[in-house]
C-alpha atoms as a PDB file:
ATOM      1  CA  UNK A   1      -3.779 -26.395   9.700  1.00  0.00           C
ATOM      2  CA  UNK A   2      -6.762 -25.235   7.674  1.00  0.00           C
ATOM      3  CA  UNK A   3      -7.127 -26.216   4.056  1.00  0.00           C
ATOM      4  CA  UNK A   4      -6.553 -23.348   1.628  1.00  0.00           C
ATOM      5  CA  UNK A   5      -9.700 -22.066  -0.029  1.00  0.00           C
ATOM      6  CA  UNK A   6      -8.182 -21.211  -3.383  1.00  0.00           C
ATOM      7  CA  UNK A   7     -11.104 -19.238  -4.913  1.00  0.00           C
ATOM      8  CA  UNK A   8     -11.286 -17.048  -1.790  1.00  0.00           C
ATOM      9  CA  UNK A   9      -7.501 -16.588  -1.693  1.00  0.00           C
ATOM     10  CA  UNK A  10      -7.387 -15.587  -5.358  1.00  0.00           C
ATOM     11  CA  UNK A  11     -10.276 -13.137  -4.892  1.00  0.00           C
ATOM     12  CA  UNK A  12      -8.687 -11.564  -1.815  1.00  0.00           C
ATOM     13  CA  UNK A  13      -5.348 -11.170  -3.589  1.00  0.00           C
ATOM     14  CA  UNK A  14      -7.158  -9.692  -6.595  1.00  0.00           C
ATOM     15  CA  UNK A  15      -8.765  -6.932  -4.498  1.00  0.00           C
ATOM     16  CA  UNK A  16      -5.565  -5.033  -3.580  1.00  0.00           C
ATOM     17  CA  UNK A  17      -4.095  -5.805  -7.013  1.00  0.00           C
ATOM     18  CA  UNK A  18      -7.180  -4.287  -8.678  1.00  0.00           C
ATOM     19  CA  UNK A  19      -7.067  -1.223  -6.418  1.00  0.00           C
ATOM     20  CA  UNK A  20      -3.409  -0.718  -7.322  1.00  0.00           C
ATOM     21  CA  UNK A  21      -4.120  -1.188 -11.025  1.00  0.00           C
ATOM     22  CA  UNK A  22      -7.022   1.276 -11.000  1.00  0.00           C
ATOM     23  CA  UNK A  23      -4.988   3.841  -9.073  1.00  0.00           C
ATOM     24  CA  UNK A  24      -2.146   3.471 -11.556  1.00  0.00           C
ATOM     25  CA  UNK A  25      -4.553   3.956 -14.482  1.00  0.00           C
ATOM     26  CA  UNK A  26      -5.985   7.129 -12.918  1.00  0.00           C
ATOM     27  CA  UNK A  27      -2.570   8.584 -12.077  1.00  0.00           C
ATOM     28  CA  UNK A  28      -1.559   9.686 -15.567  1.00  0.00           C
ATOM     29  CA  UNK A  29       1.877   9.283 -17.078  1.00  0.00           C
ATOM     30  CA  UNK A  30       3.735   8.181 -13.983  1.00  0.00           C
ATOM     31  CA  UNK A  31       6.830   6.998 -15.829  1.00  0.00           C
ATOM     32  CA  UNK A  32       7.498  10.321 -17.571  1.00  0.00           C
ATOM     33  CA  UNK A  33       6.815  12.444 -14.497  1.00  0.00           C
ATOM     34  CA  UNK A  34       9.030  10.287 -12.281  1.00  0.00           C
ATOM     35  CA  UNK A  35      11.868  10.561 -14.795  1.00  0.00           C
ATOM     36  CA  UNK A  36      11.569  14.366 -14.829  1.00  0.00           C
ATOM     37  CA  UNK A  37      11.516  14.857 -11.051  1.00  0.00           C
ATOM     38  CA  UNK A  38      14.484  15.986  -9.006  1.00  0.00           C
ATOM     39  CA  UNK A  39      14.739  13.064  -6.600  1.00  0.00           C
ATOM     40  CA  UNK A  40      16.426  12.662  -3.215  1.00  0.00           C
ATOM     41  CA  UNK A  41      19.360  10.304  -2.653  1.00  0.00           C
ATOM     42  CA  UNK A  42      18.492   6.583  -2.726  1.00  0.00           C
ATOM     43  CA  UNK A  43      15.617   7.097  -5.174  1.00  0.00           C
ATOM     44  CA  UNK A  44      15.261   3.841  -7.115  1.00  0.00           C
ATOM     45  CA  UNK A  45      14.925   3.609 -10.886  1.00  0.00           C
ATOM     46  CA  UNK A  46      11.335   3.907 -12.069  1.00  0.00           C
ATOM     47  CA  UNK A  47      11.004   0.299 -13.230  1.00  0.00           C
ATOM     48  CA  UNK A  48      11.416  -1.019  -9.683  1.00  0.00           C
ATOM     49  CA  UNK A  49       7.943   0.213  -8.693  1.00  0.00           C
ATOM     50  CA  UNK A  50       6.326  -2.043 -11.293  1.00  0.00           C
ATOM     51  CA  UNK A  51       8.099  -5.011  -9.725  1.00  0.00           C
ATOM     52  CA  UNK A  52       7.623  -4.180  -6.046  1.00  0.00           C
ATOM     53  CA  UNK A  53       3.985  -3.071  -5.942  1.00  0.00           C
ATOM     54  CA  UNK A  54       2.379  -6.245  -7.372  1.00  0.00           C
ATOM     55  CA  UNK A  55       4.358  -8.320  -4.853  1.00  0.00           C
ATOM     56  CA  UNK A  56       3.285  -6.079  -1.975  1.00  0.00           C
ATOM     57  CA  UNK A  57      -0.354  -6.118  -3.087  1.00  0.00           C
ATOM     58  CA  UNK A  58      -0.246  -9.933  -3.295  1.00  0.00           C
ATOM     59  CA  UNK A  59       1.175 -10.143   0.217  1.00  0.00           C
ATOM     60  CA  UNK A  60      -1.553  -7.782   1.431  1.00  0.00           C
ATOM     61  CA  UNK A  61      -4.134 -10.039  -0.205  1.00  0.00           C
ATOM     62  CA  UNK A  62      -2.728 -13.104   1.551  1.00  0.00           C
ATOM     63  CA  UNK A  63      -2.830 -11.225   4.857  1.00  0.00           C
ATOM     64  CA  UNK A  64      -6.425 -10.278   4.125  1.00  0.00           C
ATOM     65  CA  UNK A  65      -7.217 -13.938   3.419  1.00  0.00           C
ATOM     66  CA  UNK A  66      -5.845 -14.945   6.819  1.00  0.00           C
ATOM     67  CA  UNK A  67      -7.952 -12.324   8.586  1.00  0.00           C
ATOM     68  CA  UNK A  68     -11.143 -13.087   6.658  1.00  0.00           C
ATOM     69  CA  UNK A  69     -10.760 -16.776   7.526  1.00  0.00           C
ATOM     70  CA  UNK A  70     -10.072 -16.153  11.207  1.00  0.00           C
ATOM     71  CA  UNK A  71     -12.560 -16.611  14.012  1.00  0.00           C
ATOM     72  CA  UNK A  72     -13.519 -13.934  16.483  1.00  0.00           C
ATOM     73  CA  UNK A  73     -15.075 -10.528  17.032  1.00  0.00           C
ATOM     74  CA  UNK A  74     -11.959  -8.431  16.421  1.00  0.00           C
ATOM     75  CA  UNK A  75     -12.084  -9.194  12.736  1.00  0.00           C
ATOM     76  CA  UNK A  76     -14.482  -6.394  11.744  1.00  0.00           C
ATOM     77  CA  UNK A  77     -12.204  -3.604  13.046  1.00  0.00           C
ATOM     78  CA  UNK A  78      -9.185  -5.164  11.351  1.00  0.00           C
ATOM     79  CA  UNK A  79     -11.033  -5.407   8.039  1.00  0.00           C
ATOM     80  CA  UNK A  80     -12.310  -1.839   8.327  1.00  0.00           C
ATOM     81  CA  UNK A  81      -8.798  -0.474   8.828  1.00  0.00           C
ATOM     82  CA  UNK A  82      -7.368  -2.714   6.112  1.00  0.00           C
ATOM     83  CA  UNK A  83      -9.805  -1.292   3.560  1.00  0.00           C
ATOM     84  CA  UNK A  84      -9.380   2.246   4.892  1.00  0.00           C
ATOM     85  CA  UNK A  85      -5.610   2.087   4.400  1.00  0.00           C
ATOM     86  CA  UNK A  86      -6.139   0.533   0.957  1.00  0.00           C
ATOM     87  CA  UNK A  87      -8.350   3.505   0.043  1.00  0.00           C
ATOM     88  CA  UNK A  88      -5.708   5.979   1.215  1.00  0.00           C
ATOM     89  CA  UNK A  89      -3.109   4.029  -0.777  1.00  0.00           C
ATOM     90  CA  UNK A  90      -5.373   4.369  -3.830  1.00  0.00           C
ATOM     91  CA  UNK A  91      -5.481   8.161  -3.437  1.00  0.00           C
ATOM     92  CA  UNK A  92      -1.743   8.685  -2.958  1.00  0.00           C
ATOM     93  CA  UNK A  93      -0.527   8.094  -6.500  1.00  0.00           C
ATOM     94  CA  UNK A  94      -3.377  10.155  -7.942  1.00  0.00           C
ATOM     95  CA  UNK A  95      -2.446  13.102  -5.711  1.00  0.00           C
ATOM     96  CA  UNK A  96       1.257  12.687  -6.442  1.00  0.00           C
ATOM     97  CA  UNK A  97       1.309  11.882 -10.163  1.00  0.00           C
ATOM     98  CA  UNK A  98      -1.997  13.113 -11.653  1.00  0.00           C
ATOM     99  CA  UNK A  99      -2.214  16.366  -9.700  1.00  0.00           C
ATOM    100  CA  UNK A 100       1.452  16.779  -8.675  1.00  0.00           C
ATOM    101  CA  UNK A 101       0.373  17.830  -5.192  1.00  0.00           C
ATOM    102  CA  UNK A 102       3.588  16.733  -3.502  1.00  0.00           C
ATOM    103  CA  UNK A 103       2.875  18.190  -0.067  1.00  0.00           C
ATOM    104  CA  UNK A 104      -0.706  16.889  -0.003  1.00  0.00           C
ATOM    105  CA  UNK A 105       0.500  13.467  -1.111  1.00  0.00           C
ATOM    106  CA  UNK A 106       3.090  13.558   1.681  1.00  0.00           C
ATOM    107  CA  UNK A 107       0.307  14.149   4.229  1.00  0.00           C
ATOM    108  CA  UNK A 108      -1.593  11.285   2.591  1.00  0.00           C
ATOM    109  CA  UNK A 109       1.450   9.016   2.999  1.00  0.00           C
ATOM    110  CA  UNK A 110       1.923   9.909   6.655  1.00  0.00           C
ATOM    111  CA  UNK A 111      -1.724   9.036   7.246  1.00  0.00           C
ATOM    112  CA  UNK A 112      -1.166   5.794   5.313  1.00  0.00           C
ATOM    113  CA  UNK A 113       1.889   4.976   7.447  1.00  0.00           C
ATOM    114  CA  UNK A 114      -0.161   5.376  10.624  1.00  0.00           C
ATOM    115  CA  UNK A 115      -3.116   3.411   9.270  1.00  0.00           C
ATOM    116  CA  UNK A 116      -0.898   0.525   8.196  1.00  0.00           C
ATOM    117  CA  UNK A 117       0.820   0.411  11.586  1.00  0.00           C
ATOM    118  CA  UNK A 118      -2.579   0.307  13.283  1.00  0.00           C
ATOM    119  CA  UNK A 119      -3.901  -2.306  10.838  1.00  0.00           C
ATOM    120  CA  UNK A 120      -0.847  -4.460  11.527  1.00  0.00           C
ATOM    121  CA  UNK A 121      -1.478  -4.146  15.259  1.00  0.00           C
ATOM    122  CA  UNK A 122      -5.056  -5.321  14.775  1.00  0.00           C
ATOM    123  CA  UNK A 123      -3.907  -8.135  12.482  1.00  0.00           C
ATOM    124  CA  UNK A 124      -1.313  -9.285  15.041  1.00  0.00           C
ATOM    125  CA  UNK A 125      -4.080  -9.844  17.606  1.00  0.00           C
ATOM    126  CA  UNK A 126      -5.936 -12.090  15.159  1.00  0.00           C
ATOM    127  CA  UNK A 127      -3.191 -13.864  13.214  1.00  0.00           C
ATOM    128  CA  UNK A 128       0.464 -12.942  13.586  1.00  0.00           C
ATOM    129  CA  UNK A 129       1.236 -14.207  10.086  1.00  0.00           C
ATOM    130  CA  UNK A 130      -1.015 -11.531   8.619  1.00  0.00           C
ATOM    131  CA  UNK A 131       0.892  -8.870  10.530  1.00  0.00           C
ATOM    132  CA  UNK A 132       4.244 -10.156   9.241  1.00  0.00           C
ATOM    133  CA  UNK A 133       2.915 -10.237   5.670  1.00  0.00           C
ATOM    134  CA  UNK A 134       2.178  -6.517   5.962  1.00  0.00           C
ATOM    135  CA  UNK A 135       5.690  -5.631   7.179  1.00  0.00           C
ATOM    136  CA  UNK A 136       7.359  -5.305   3.734  1.00  0.00           C
ATOM    137  CA  UNK A 137       4.491  -3.025   2.694  1.00  0.00           C
ATOM    138  CA  UNK A 138       5.050  -0.839   5.760  1.00  0.00           C
ATOM    139  CA  UNK A 139       8.783  -0.653   5.062  1.00  0.00           C
ATOM    140  CA  UNK A 140       8.121   0.320   1.435  1.00  0.00           C
ATOM    141  CA  UNK A 141       5.633   3.070   2.255  1.00  0.00           C
ATOM    142  CA  UNK A 142       7.945   4.456   4.934  1.00  0.00           C
ATOM    143  CA  UNK A 143      10.616   4.635   2.226  1.00  0.00           C
ATOM    144  CA  UNK A 144       8.031   6.228  -0.078  1.00  0.00           C
ATOM    145  CA  UNK A 145       7.359   8.822   2.624  1.00  0.00           C
ATOM    146  CA  UNK A 146      11.053   9.744   2.580  1.00  0.00           C
ATOM    147  CA  UNK A 147      11.037   9.913  -1.247  1.00  0.00           C
ATOM    148  CA  UNK A 148       7.842  11.984  -1.324  1.00  0.00           C
ATOM    149  CA  UNK A 149       9.259  14.444   1.231  1.00  0.00           C
ATOM    150  CA  UNK A 150      12.425  14.761  -0.838  1.00  0.00           C
ATOM    151  CA  UNK A 151      10.461  15.377  -4.007  1.00  0.00           C
ATOM    152  CA  UNK A 152       8.269  17.968  -2.265  1.00  0.00           C
ATOM    153  CA  UNK A 153      11.344  19.848  -1.043  1.00  0.00           C
ATOM    154  CA  UNK A 154      13.381  19.554  -4.262  1.00  0.00           C
ATOM    155  CA  UNK A 155      10.597  20.298  -6.776  1.00  0.00           C
ATOM    156  CA  UNK A 156       9.164  23.580  -5.556  1.00  0.00           C
END
């Protein structure tokens, strides 16, 4: 088993955390808008997002660490798609909360779902642990896709 390179691990966890933080800052008053929306069944209370997202971003950062430290040629494609999906993730909350473009944000989420599935597939070929670390994130954004669709339908 390789020794953990703590500075690298911390940096690679900080990248998705920083992207999430910046997206949140550019998204406007998320808390107020979420409270005012007509939401579909199973919509969680607003505070849960502030708990879940930092955990998911940390897990993504650990997965990234495993891929960056891996050997092999397949790594560059996996890293490209990881950062591509992270960029799409960044855009989603801005589309949804800042601009209230619910249908456009739904398209963004569907694209994100597909990118994350593909990224996980690439990760699995390099280090299966990295793929498994991305699974809770995939489950959460699939749930977010359901919520976004419900909001788009209910808030015409």
